[in-house]
């Protein structure tokens, strides 16, 4: 199945993607599993899991004190601003998996700082090696080298903030059940993706500007 392992809903402060719109878009383009990774909340992911006719991984893109960390298979939200080691510990305490999103990206992204990435690599399960919103090809190459060097699983996601961005990156992988099954399936997966054009991203930024201004996210 095709799994987009990083996307945002209207429960993120910088996205207007409604849950029905996401479900319709996935059906139209053949995405059969998603990880909903809203910023600092799992509310949208929990609701999507109840609504969607396909598997939904409850995730959260947590802003730690040293950059962003994704938790997969969460049961409770993790507050923003905690030290990265505590964020990872809270993910693990729920039986979840730790993923580093866009770990070498720049241009306004918030990857986990290098010193923490190295110090905590024993707690990392997955490295996102293709993020459709990371414009530099070298970012993906560095992420693949890091994951390979440390024997970590590799993932991909669109990082969509609008429905039209969904599916720009995905993993073709076998069906799975739970975190351990997911790890086994991801190890057999194949990553596909293309970069989200700057024009498309600018359009999303314009569309979400009023919401981001209300939330102080600019």
C-alpha atoms as a PDB file:
ATOM      1  CA  UNK A   1       0.000   0.000   0.000  1.00  0.00           C
ATOM      2  CA  UNK A   2       1.020   3.634  -0.499  1.00  0.00           C
ATOM      3  CA  UNK A   3       1.617   5.398   2.819  1.00  0.00           C
ATOM      4  CA  UNK A   4       2.189   9.151   3.173  1.00  0.00           C
ATOM      5  CA  UNK A   5       3.921   9.299   6.540  1.00  0.00           C
ATOM      6  CA  UNK A   6       3.927  13.047   7.234  1.00  0.00           C
ATOM      7  CA  UNK A   7       0.979  15.352   6.683  1.00  0.00           C
ATOM      8  CA  UNK A   8      -0.957  18.076   8.466  1.00  0.00           C
ATOM      9  CA  UNK A   9      -4.633  18.818   8.995  1.00  0.00           C
ATOM     10  CA  UNK A  10      -6.549  21.924   9.990  1.00  0.00           C
ATOM     11  CA  UNK A  11      -5.618  21.103  13.589  1.00  0.00           C
ATOM     12  CA  UNK A  12      -2.123  22.397  12.795  1.00  0.00           C
ATOM     13  CA  UNK A  13      -1.784  26.190  13.066  1.00  0.00           C
ATOM     14  CA  UNK A  14      -0.401  26.427   9.524  1.00  0.00           C
ATOM     15  CA  UNK A  15      -2.843  24.190   7.634  1.00  0.00           C
ATOM     16  CA  UNK A  16      -6.452  24.539   6.488  1.00  0.00           C
ATOM     17  CA  UNK A  17      -6.846  20.928   5.285  1.00  0.00           C
ATOM     18  CA  UNK A  18     -10.173  19.594   6.528  1.00  0.00           C
ATOM     19  CA  UNK A  19     -10.384  15.913   7.402  1.00  0.00           C
ATOM     20  CA  UNK A  20     -13.009  15.157   4.702  1.00  0.00           C
ATOM     21  CA  UNK A  21     -10.882  16.945   2.079  1.00  0.00           C
ATOM     22  CA  UNK A  22      -7.834  14.884   3.045  1.00  0.00           C
ATOM     23  CA  UNK A  23      -9.810  11.642   2.853  1.00  0.00           C
ATOM     24  CA  UNK A  24     -11.194  12.568  -0.583  1.00  0.00           C
ATOM     25  CA  UNK A  25      -7.756  13.515  -1.876  1.00  0.00           C
ATOM     26  CA  UNK A  26      -6.221  10.260  -0.660  1.00  0.00           C
ATOM     27  CA  UNK A  27      -8.952   8.289  -2.386  1.00  0.00           C
ATOM     28  CA  UNK A  28      -8.442  10.209  -5.629  1.00  0.00           C
ATOM     29  CA  UNK A  29      -4.668   9.665  -5.834  1.00  0.00           C
ATOM     30  CA  UNK A  30      -4.436   6.194  -4.286  1.00  0.00           C
ATOM     31  CA  UNK A  31      -2.898   6.932  -0.898  1.00  0.00           C
ATOM     32  CA  UNK A  32      -3.964   4.018   1.311  1.00  0.00           C
ATOM     33  CA  UNK A  33      -2.452   4.969   4.674  1.00  0.00           C
ATOM     34  CA  UNK A  34      -1.439   8.242   6.300  1.00  0.00           C
ATOM     35  CA  UNK A  35       0.401   9.402   9.370  1.00  0.00           C
ATOM     36  CA  UNK A  36      -1.263  12.553  10.660  1.00  0.00           C
ATOM     37  CA  UNK A  37       1.534  14.561  12.274  1.00  0.00           C
ATOM     38  CA  UNK A  38       0.014  17.873  13.282  1.00  0.00           C
ATOM     39  CA  UNK A  39       2.136  20.370  15.153  1.00  0.00           C
ATOM     40  CA  UNK A  40       1.956  19.803  18.914  1.00  0.00           C
ATOM     41  CA  UNK A  41      -1.431  18.062  18.929  1.00  0.00           C
ATOM     42  CA  UNK A  42      -2.968  14.660  18.170  1.00  0.00           C
ATOM     43  CA  UNK A  43      -6.586  15.832  18.136  1.00  0.00           C
ATOM     44  CA  UNK A  44      -6.892  15.817  14.349  1.00  0.00           C
ATOM     45  CA  UNK A  45      -5.151  12.462  14.069  1.00  0.00           C
ATOM     46  CA  UNK A  46      -7.547  10.833  16.538  1.00  0.00           C
ATOM     47  CA  UNK A  47     -10.570  12.198  14.671  1.00  0.00           C
ATOM     48  CA  UNK A  48      -9.133  11.175  11.296  1.00  0.00           C
ATOM     49  CA  UNK A  49      -8.602   7.628  12.557  1.00  0.00           C
ATOM     50  CA  UNK A  50     -12.324   7.403  13.338  1.00  0.00           C
ATOM     51  CA  UNK A  51     -13.392   8.837   9.974  1.00  0.00           C
ATOM     52  CA  UNK A  52     -11.010   7.429   7.384  1.00  0.00           C
ATOM     53  CA  UNK A  53     -11.665   4.203   5.453  1.00  0.00           C
ATOM     54  CA  UNK A  54      -7.927   3.443   5.529  1.00  0.00           C
ATOM     55  CA  UNK A  55      -5.297   3.085   8.282  1.00  0.00           C
ATOM     56  CA  UNK A  56      -4.334   6.287  10.090  1.00  0.00           C
ATOM     57  CA  UNK A  57      -1.245   6.476  12.279  1.00  0.00           C
ATOM     58  CA  UNK A  58      -1.743   8.880  15.174  1.00  0.00           C
ATOM     59  CA  UNK A  59       1.318  11.068  15.174  1.00  0.00           C
ATOM     60  CA  UNK A  60       2.524  14.446  16.361  1.00  0.00           C
ATOM     61  CA  UNK A  61       5.286  16.729  15.138  1.00  0.00           C
ATOM     62  CA  UNK A  62       6.544  18.001  18.476  1.00  0.00           C
ATOM     63  CA  UNK A  63       8.587  21.186  18.706  1.00  0.00           C
ATOM     64  CA  UNK A  64      11.168  20.315  21.333  1.00  0.00           C
ATOM     65  CA  UNK A  65      13.540  22.879  22.800  1.00  0.00           C
ATOM     66  CA  UNK A  66      16.074  21.859  20.125  1.00  0.00           C
ATOM     67  CA  UNK A  67      13.963  21.179  17.030  1.00  0.00           C
ATOM     68  CA  UNK A  68      11.159  19.012  15.724  1.00  0.00           C
ATOM     69  CA  UNK A  69      10.608  15.329  16.510  1.00  0.00           C
ATOM     70  CA  UNK A  70       7.780  13.134  15.230  1.00  0.00           C
ATOM     71  CA  UNK A  71       6.130  10.540  17.424  1.00  0.00           C
ATOM     72  CA  UNK A  72       4.124   7.771  15.748  1.00  0.00           C
ATOM     73  CA  UNK A  73       1.443   5.576  17.386  1.00  0.00           C
ATOM     74  CA  UNK A  74       0.727   8.025  20.179  1.00  0.00           C
ATOM     75  CA  UNK A  75      -2.071   7.794  22.708  1.00  0.00           C
ATOM     76  CA  UNK A  76      -1.510  11.121  24.471  1.00  0.00           C
ATOM     77  CA  UNK A  77      -0.212  14.481  23.187  1.00  0.00           C
ATOM     78  CA  UNK A  78       3.287  15.614  24.095  1.00  0.00           C
ATOM     79  CA  UNK A  79       3.726  19.279  25.089  1.00  0.00           C
ATOM     80  CA  UNK A  80       5.979  21.489  23.018  1.00  0.00           C
ATOM     81  CA  UNK A  81       9.147  23.025  24.439  1.00  0.00           C
ATOM     82  CA  UNK A  82      10.436  19.976  26.314  1.00  0.00           C
ATOM     83  CA  UNK A  83      14.074  18.870  25.947  1.00  0.00           C
ATOM     84  CA  UNK A  84      14.486  16.408  23.069  1.00  0.00           C
ATOM     85  CA  UNK A  85      15.484  13.524  25.326  1.00  0.00           C
ATOM     86  CA  UNK A  86      12.257  13.964  27.296  1.00  0.00           C
ATOM     87  CA  UNK A  87      10.167  14.158  24.126  1.00  0.00           C
ATOM     88  CA  UNK A  88      11.674  10.883  22.933  1.00  0.00           C
ATOM     89  CA  UNK A  89      11.185   9.280  26.341  1.00  0.00           C
ATOM     90  CA  UNK A  90       7.500  10.270  26.355  1.00  0.00           C
ATOM     91  CA  UNK A  91       7.022   8.816  22.867  1.00  0.00           C
ATOM     92  CA  UNK A  92       8.643   5.551  23.944  1.00  0.00           C
ATOM     93  CA  UNK A  93       6.612   5.414  27.164  1.00  0.00           C
ATOM     94  CA  UNK A  94       3.453   5.250  25.037  1.00  0.00           C
ATOM     95  CA  UNK A  95       4.831   2.402  22.948  1.00  0.00           C
ATOM     96  CA  UNK A  96       5.403   4.833  20.086  1.00  0.00           C
ATOM     97  CA  UNK A  97       8.173   5.262  17.547  1.00  0.00           C
ATOM     98  CA  UNK A  98      10.579   8.195  17.238  1.00  0.00           C
ATOM     99  CA  UNK A  99      11.106   9.694  13.788  1.00  0.00           C
ATOM    100  CA  UNK A 100      13.372  12.581  12.790  1.00  0.00           C
ATOM    101  CA  UNK A 101      11.595  14.735  10.197  1.00  0.00           C
ATOM    102  CA  UNK A 102      13.656  16.598   7.563  1.00  0.00           C
ATOM    103  CA  UNK A 103      16.791  16.139   9.730  1.00  0.00           C
ATOM    104  CA  UNK A 104      19.194  18.073   7.507  1.00  0.00           C
ATOM    105  CA  UNK A 105      16.824  20.640   6.010  1.00  0.00           C
ATOM    106  CA  UNK A 106      17.347  24.382   6.150  1.00  0.00           C
ATOM    107  CA  UNK A 107      15.397  27.310   4.712  1.00  0.00           C
ATOM    108  CA  UNK A 108      13.155  27.952   7.685  1.00  0.00           C
ATOM    109  CA  UNK A 109      12.719  24.321   8.730  1.00  0.00           C
ATOM    110  CA  UNK A 110      13.286  23.206  12.322  1.00  0.00           C
ATOM    111  CA  UNK A 111      15.256  19.939  12.301  1.00  0.00           C
ATOM    112  CA  UNK A 112      16.613  18.534  15.532  1.00  0.00           C
ATOM    113  CA  UNK A 113      19.950  20.201  16.253  1.00  0.00           C
ATOM    114  CA  UNK A 114      22.966  18.158  15.220  1.00  0.00           C
ATOM    115  CA  UNK A 115      24.408  17.695  18.704  1.00  0.00           C
ATOM    116  CA  UNK A 116      21.127  16.170  19.945  1.00  0.00           C
ATOM    117  CA  UNK A 117      20.704  14.079  16.810  1.00  0.00           C
ATOM    118  CA  UNK A 118      24.075  12.461  17.479  1.00  0.00           C
ATOM    119  CA  UNK A 119      23.704  12.148  21.239  1.00  0.00           C
ATOM    120  CA  UNK A 120      20.209  10.619  21.051  1.00  0.00           C
ATOM    121  CA  UNK A 121      20.539   8.452  17.972  1.00  0.00           C
ATOM    122  CA  UNK A 122      20.086   5.340  20.104  1.00  0.00           C
ATOM    123  CA  UNK A 123      16.499   6.492  20.802  1.00  0.00           C
ATOM    124  CA  UNK A 124      15.661   7.145  17.131  1.00  0.00           C
ATOM    125  CA  UNK A 125      13.691   4.511  15.215  1.00  0.00           C
ATOM    126  CA  UNK A 126      13.112   6.208  11.860  1.00  0.00           C
ATOM    127  CA  UNK A 127      14.702   8.919   9.730  1.00  0.00           C
ATOM    128  CA  UNK A 128      12.630  10.793   7.168  1.00  0.00           C
ATOM    129  CA  UNK A 129      14.907  10.616   4.140  1.00  0.00           C
ATOM    130  CA  UNK A 130      12.542  12.257   1.659  1.00  0.00           C
ATOM    131  CA  UNK A 131      10.393  15.229   2.572  1.00  0.00           C
ATOM    132  CA  UNK A 132       8.628  16.774  -0.404  1.00  0.00           C
ATOM    133  CA  UNK A 133       8.906  20.266   1.099  1.00  0.00           C
ATOM    134  CA  UNK A 134      12.688  20.129   1.530  1.00  0.00           C
ATOM    135  CA  UNK A 135      13.912  21.842  -1.600  1.00  0.00           C
ATOM    136  CA  UNK A 136      17.583  20.819  -1.572  1.00  0.00           C
ATOM    137  CA  UNK A 137      18.444  17.378  -2.962  1.00  0.00           C
ATOM    138  CA  UNK A 138      21.482  17.228  -0.687  1.00  0.00           C
ATOM    139  CA  UNK A 139      19.192  17.243   2.376  1.00  0.00           C
ATOM    140  CA  UNK A 140      17.747  13.870   1.365  1.00  0.00           C
ATOM    141  CA  UNK A 141      21.153  12.452   0.533  1.00  0.00           C
ATOM    142  CA  UNK A 142      22.515  13.437   3.952  1.00  0.00           C
ATOM    143  CA  UNK A 143      19.481  11.920   5.681  1.00  0.00           C
ATOM    144  CA  UNK A 144      19.933   8.627   3.790  1.00  0.00           C
ATOM    145  CA  UNK A 145      23.613   8.493   4.708  1.00  0.00           C
ATOM    146  CA  UNK A 146      22.817   9.107   8.374  1.00  0.00           C
ATOM    147  CA  UNK A 147      20.082   6.456   8.452  1.00  0.00           C
ATOM    148  CA  UNK A 148      22.212   3.889   6.646  1.00  0.00           C
ATOM    149  CA  UNK A 149      25.275   4.520   8.799  1.00  0.00           C
ATOM    150  CA  UNK A 150      23.285   3.912  11.989  1.00  0.00           C
ATOM    151  CA  UNK A 151      20.971   1.143  10.790  1.00  0.00           C
ATOM    152  CA  UNK A 152      17.809   3.219  11.123  1.00  0.00           C
ATOM    153  CA  UNK A 153      14.552   2.761   9.239  1.00  0.00           C
ATOM    154  CA  UNK A 154      13.841   5.203   6.423  1.00  0.00           C
ATOM    155  CA  UNK A 155      10.561   6.976   5.700  1.00  0.00           C
ATOM    156  CA  UNK A 156       9.082   9.594   3.392  1.00  0.00           C
ATOM    157  CA  UNK A 157       6.213  12.033   3.521  1.00  0.00           C
ATOM    158  CA  UNK A 158       4.687  14.932   1.664  1.00  0.00           C
ATOM    159  CA  UNK A 159       4.612  17.191   4.740  1.00  0.00           C
ATOM    160  CA  UNK A 160       1.385  18.386   3.123  1.00  0.00           C
ATOM    161  CA  UNK A 161      -0.279  21.484   4.517  1.00  0.00           C
ATOM    162  CA  UNK A 162      -3.000  21.475   1.842  1.00  0.00           C
ATOM    163  CA  UNK A 163      -4.874  18.576   0.232  1.00  0.00           C
ATOM    164  CA  UNK A 164      -3.261  19.125  -3.179  1.00  0.00           C
ATOM    165  CA  UNK A 165       0.179  18.488  -1.636  1.00  0.00           C
ATOM    166  CA  UNK A 166      -0.708  15.007  -0.336  1.00  0.00           C
ATOM    167  CA  UNK A 167       1.131  12.149  -2.010  1.00  0.00           C
ATOM    168  CA  UNK A 168       4.108  14.100  -3.290  1.00  0.00           C
ATOM    169  CA  UNK A 169       6.145  11.580  -1.277  1.00  0.00           C
ATOM    170  CA  UNK A 170       5.134   8.184   0.057  1.00  0.00           C
ATOM    171  CA  UNK A 171       6.363   4.695   0.913  1.00  0.00           C
ATOM    172  CA  UNK A 172       5.054   1.588  -0.819  1.00  0.00           C
ATOM    173  CA  UNK A 173       4.994  -0.971   1.976  1.00  0.00           C
ATOM    174  CA  UNK A 174       3.095  -4.074   3.113  1.00  0.00           C
ATOM    175  CA  UNK A 175       0.094  -3.762   5.437  1.00  0.00           C
ATOM    176  CA  UNK A 176       0.941  -3.743   9.138  1.00  0.00           C
ATOM    177  CA  UNK A 177      -0.550  -3.944  12.598  1.00  0.00           C
ATOM    178  CA  UNK A 178       0.838  -1.772  15.397  1.00  0.00           C
ATOM    179  CA  UNK A 179       4.276  -0.243  15.908  1.00  0.00           C
ATOM    180  CA  UNK A 180       6.307  -3.443  15.602  1.00  0.00           C
ATOM    181  CA  UNK A 181       4.424  -4.522  12.516  1.00  0.00           C
ATOM    182  CA  UNK A 182       4.965  -1.049  11.086  1.00  0.00           C
ATOM    183  CA  UNK A 183       8.726  -1.327  11.605  1.00  0.00           C
ATOM    184  CA  UNK A 184       8.799  -4.689   9.827  1.00  0.00           C
ATOM    185  CA  UNK A 185       6.715  -3.367   6.931  1.00  0.00           C
ATOM    186  CA  UNK A 186       8.719  -0.138   6.629  1.00  0.00           C
ATOM    187  CA  UNK A 187      11.942  -2.135   6.393  1.00  0.00           C
ATOM    188  CA  UNK A 188      10.464  -3.754   3.259  1.00  0.00           C
ATOM    189  CA  UNK A 189       9.193  -0.480   1.834  1.00  0.00           C
ATOM    190  CA  UNK A 190      10.224   1.483  -1.241  1.00  0.00           C
ATOM    191  CA  UNK A 191      10.329   5.281  -1.198  1.00  0.00           C
ATOM    192  CA  UNK A 192       8.859   7.367  -3.989  1.00  0.00           C
ATOM    193  CA  UNK A 193       8.578  11.120  -4.273  1.00  0.00           C
ATOM    194  CA  UNK A 194       8.944  14.351  -6.112  1.00  0.00           C
ATOM    195  CA  UNK A 195       9.639  17.771  -4.719  1.00  0.00           C
ATOM    196  CA  UNK A 196       6.789  20.112  -3.989  1.00  0.00           C
ATOM    197  CA  UNK A 197       7.264  23.144  -6.199  1.00  0.00           C
ATOM    198  CA  UNK A 198       7.944  26.528  -4.657  1.00  0.00           C
ATOM    199  CA  UNK A 199       4.857  27.973  -6.338  1.00  0.00           C
ATOM    200  CA  UNK A 200       2.632  25.355  -4.742  1.00  0.00           C
ATOM    201  CA  UNK A 201       4.136  26.028  -1.343  1.00  0.00           C
ATOM    202  CA  UNK A 202       3.720  29.798  -1.718  1.00  0.00           C
ATOM    203  CA  UNK A 203       0.052  29.289  -2.606  1.00  0.00           C
ATOM    204  CA  UNK A 204      -0.421  27.255   0.578  1.00  0.00           C
ATOM    205  CA  UNK A 205       1.333  29.960   2.609  1.00  0.00           C
ATOM    206  CA  UNK A 206      -0.987  32.619   1.174  1.00  0.00           C
ATOM    207  CA  UNK A 207      -4.072  30.494   1.838  1.00  0.00           C
ATOM    208  CA  UNK A 208      -3.086  29.882   5.454  1.00  0.00           C
ATOM    209  CA  UNK A 209      -1.781  33.395   6.204  1.00  0.00           C
ATOM    210  CA  UNK A 210      -4.935  34.624   8.004  1.00  0.00           C
ATOM    211  CA  UNK A 211      -4.945  31.535  10.227  1.00  0.00           C
ATOM    212  CA  UNK A 212      -1.231  31.803  10.945  1.00  0.00           C
ATOM    213  CA  UNK A 213      -1.606  35.466  11.842  1.00  0.00           C
ATOM    214  CA  UNK A 214      -4.401  34.615  14.285  1.00  0.00           C
ATOM    215  CA  UNK A 215      -2.227  31.936  15.852  1.00  0.00           C
ATOM    216  CA  UNK A 216       0.919  34.075  15.932  1.00  0.00           C
ATOM    217  CA  UNK A 217       2.649  31.531  13.677  1.00  0.00           C
ATOM    218  CA  UNK A 218       4.393  34.001  11.364  1.00  0.00           C
END
